[in-house]
Each structure stands twice: as C-alpha cells, then as structure tokens.
Amino acid sequence: MPRFYFDIRHGEILTEDHVGRVLSGIKDAQRQAQYELGEMLRRVSGSAMRNLMTIEVKDEAGKRLFRAKLVFEIEPLS
C-alpha cells in the first residue's frame, strides 16, 4: 500500500510530514486530509477572526497530489 505525506500549513507556519501514513489509495488520503482539517479547526484560537488551513498531500516520490483547504472566518454583520 502507498505512503502519503501530509504537509500542514496554518497561516504562515508550515509543518512538513517526514513520516507519512500508509493508506489504501488517494481516496483514503483525501478523507484523511478532510479529517485533519476538521481537527485543526477544533484547535483554533477563539480570538482569531480568520484562519486559513491547508494540507498538501504528497506521494512517496515527493510529488504533490492535491491540496485540501479550509477557510474559517468570523464576519461581523454590523
């Protein structure tokens, strides 16, 4: 089974994944990225008005396969 690497960017901070995860394929990697973005959102500071969270997924050769992105924004209405 292939190994996928999930590099995480939260704002300007990049955390590279040097370990990776063995998953059955690209669909599982997409589900894992979605799950990780949800977990990142749960840990967001309550004072932030806007957060951009991105996960870039690479294969074993280092080829970028896809980017999963989540924008969380609190927008005052008055």
C-alpha atoms as a PDB file:
ATOM      1  CA  MET A   1       0.000   0.000   0.000  1.00  0.00           C
ATOM      2  CA  PRO A   2       1.235   3.520  -0.765  1.00  0.00           C
ATOM      3  CA  ARG A   3       2.526   6.030   1.768  1.00  0.00           C
ATOM      4  CA  PHE A   4       1.180   9.594   1.720  1.00  0.00           C
ATOM      5  CA  TYR A   5       2.730  12.675   3.339  1.00  0.00           C
ATOM      6  CA  PHE A   6       0.554  15.446   4.770  1.00  0.00           C
ATOM      7  CA  ASP A   7       2.328  18.818   4.921  1.00  0.00           C
ATOM      8  CA  ILE A   8       0.292  21.213   7.047  1.00  0.00           C
ATOM      9  CA  ARG A   9       0.211  24.983   6.655  1.00  0.00           C
ATOM     10  CA  HIS A  10      -1.634  27.062   9.243  1.00  0.00           C
ATOM     11  CA  GLY A  11      -1.247  30.708   8.341  1.00  0.00           C
ATOM     12  CA  GLU A  12       2.442  31.230   7.650  1.00  0.00           C
ATOM     13  CA  ILE A  13       3.577  28.172   9.625  1.00  0.00           C
ATOM     14  CA  LEU A  14       4.486  25.077   7.591  1.00  0.00           C
ATOM     15  CA  THR A  15       4.898  21.686   9.254  1.00  0.00           C
ATOM     16  CA  GLU A  16       6.330  19.076   6.918  1.00  0.00           C
ATOM     17  CA  ASP A  17       5.368  15.450   7.366  1.00  0.00           C
ATOM     18  CA  HIS A  18       8.507  13.295   7.294  1.00  0.00           C
ATOM     19  CA  VAL A  19       6.798  10.103   8.494  1.00  0.00           C
ATOM     20  CA  GLY A  20       3.703   9.800   6.309  1.00  0.00           C
ATOM     21  CA  ARG A  21       0.821   7.364   6.547  1.00  0.00           C
ATOM     22  CA  VAL A  22       0.220   4.128   4.732  1.00  0.00           C
ATOM     23  CA  LEU A  23      -3.251   4.248   3.181  1.00  0.00           C
ATOM     24  CA  SER A  24      -5.078   2.192   0.589  1.00  0.00           C
ATOM     25  CA  GLY A  25      -5.162   4.947  -2.039  1.00  0.00           C
ATOM     26  CA  ILE A  26      -5.868   8.544  -2.994  1.00  0.00           C
ATOM     27  CA  LYS A  27      -9.490   8.456  -1.772  1.00  0.00           C
ATOM     28  CA  ASP A  28      -8.328   7.457   1.700  1.00  0.00           C
ATOM     29  CA  ALA A  29      -5.708  10.226   1.582  1.00  0.00           C
ATOM     30  CA  GLN A  30      -8.441  12.744   0.707  1.00  0.00           C
ATOM     31  CA  ARG A  31     -10.585  11.529   3.621  1.00  0.00           C
ATOM     32  CA  GLN A  32      -7.590  11.750   5.946  1.00  0.00           C
ATOM     33  CA  ALA A  33      -6.867  15.332   4.840  1.00  0.00           C
ATOM     34  CA  GLN A  34     -10.513  16.252   5.438  1.00  0.00           C
ATOM     35  CA  TYR A  35     -10.379  14.717   8.923  1.00  0.00           C
ATOM     36  CA  GLU A  36      -7.123  16.534   9.751  1.00  0.00           C
ATOM     37  CA  LEU A  37      -8.577  19.892   8.670  1.00  0.00           C
ATOM     38  CA  GLY A  38     -11.526  19.317  10.996  1.00  0.00           C
ATOM     39  CA  GLU A  39      -9.151  18.564  13.858  1.00  0.00           C
ATOM     40  CA  MET A  40      -7.158  21.714  13.094  1.00  0.00           C
ATOM     41  CA  LEU A  41     -10.346  23.787  13.191  1.00  0.00           C
ATOM     42  CA  ARG A  42     -11.199  22.389  16.627  1.00  0.00           C
ATOM     43  CA  ARG A  43      -7.837  23.645  17.934  1.00  0.00           C
ATOM     44  CA  VAL A  44      -8.129  27.168  16.504  1.00  0.00           C
ATOM     45  CA  SER A  45      -7.813  30.036  18.964  1.00  0.00           C
ATOM     46  CA  GLY A  46     -11.141  31.614  19.886  1.00  0.00           C
ATOM     47  CA  SER A  47      -9.765  35.110  19.248  1.00  0.00           C
ATOM     48  CA  ALA A  48      -8.960  34.544  15.577  1.00  0.00           C
ATOM     49  CA  MET A  49     -11.327  36.221  13.124  1.00  0.00           C
ATOM     50  CA  ARG A  50      -9.906  34.417  10.081  1.00  0.00           C
ATOM     51  CA  ASN A  51      -7.921  31.239   9.630  1.00  0.00           C
ATOM     52  CA  LEU A  52      -6.616  29.584   6.501  1.00  0.00           C
ATOM     53  CA  MET A  53      -5.604  25.963   6.970  1.00  0.00           C
ATOM     54  CA  THR A  54      -4.054  23.946   4.155  1.00  0.00           C
ATOM     55  CA  ILE A  55      -2.805  20.403   3.785  1.00  0.00           C
ATOM     56  CA  GLU A  56      -0.696  19.446   0.781  1.00  0.00           C
ATOM     57  CA  VAL A  57      -0.526  15.720   0.194  1.00  0.00           C
ATOM     58  CA  LYS A  58       2.494  14.153  -1.484  1.00  0.00           C
ATOM     59  CA  ASP A  59       3.300  10.629  -2.583  1.00  0.00           C
ATOM     60  CA  GLU A  60       6.407   8.609  -1.728  1.00  0.00           C
ATOM     61  CA  ALA A  61       8.357  10.262  -4.541  1.00  0.00           C
ATOM     62  CA  GLY A  62       7.536  13.738  -3.174  1.00  0.00           C
ATOM     63  CA  LYS A  63       5.080  14.529  -5.971  1.00  0.00           C
ATOM     64  CA  ARG A  64       2.288  16.844  -4.824  1.00  0.00           C
ATOM     65  CA  LEU A  65      -1.024  15.102  -5.407  1.00  0.00           C
ATOM     66  CA  PHE A  66      -3.595  17.567  -4.075  1.00  0.00           C
ATOM     67  CA  ARG A  67      -4.233  20.421  -1.676  1.00  0.00           C
ATOM     68  CA  ALA A  68      -7.082  20.461   0.837  1.00  0.00           C
ATOM     69  CA  LYS A  69      -8.007  23.898   2.145  1.00  0.00           C
ATOM     70  CA  LEU A  70     -10.285  25.229   4.858  1.00  0.00           C
ATOM     71  CA  VAL A  71     -11.045  28.913   5.411  1.00  0.00           C
ATOM     72  CA  PHE A  72     -12.731  29.782   8.675  1.00  0.00           C
ATOM     73  CA  GLU A  73     -13.879  33.354   9.040  1.00  0.00           C
ATOM     74  CA  ILE A  74     -15.963  35.252  11.548  1.00  0.00           C
ATOM     75  CA  GLU A  75     -17.550  38.201   9.788  1.00  0.00           C
ATOM     76  CA  PRO A  76     -19.280  40.854  11.888  1.00  0.00           C
ATOM     77  CA  LEU A  77     -22.592  41.898  10.336  1.00  0.00           C
ATOM     78  CA  SER A  78     -22.974  45.294  11.925  1.00  0.00           C
END
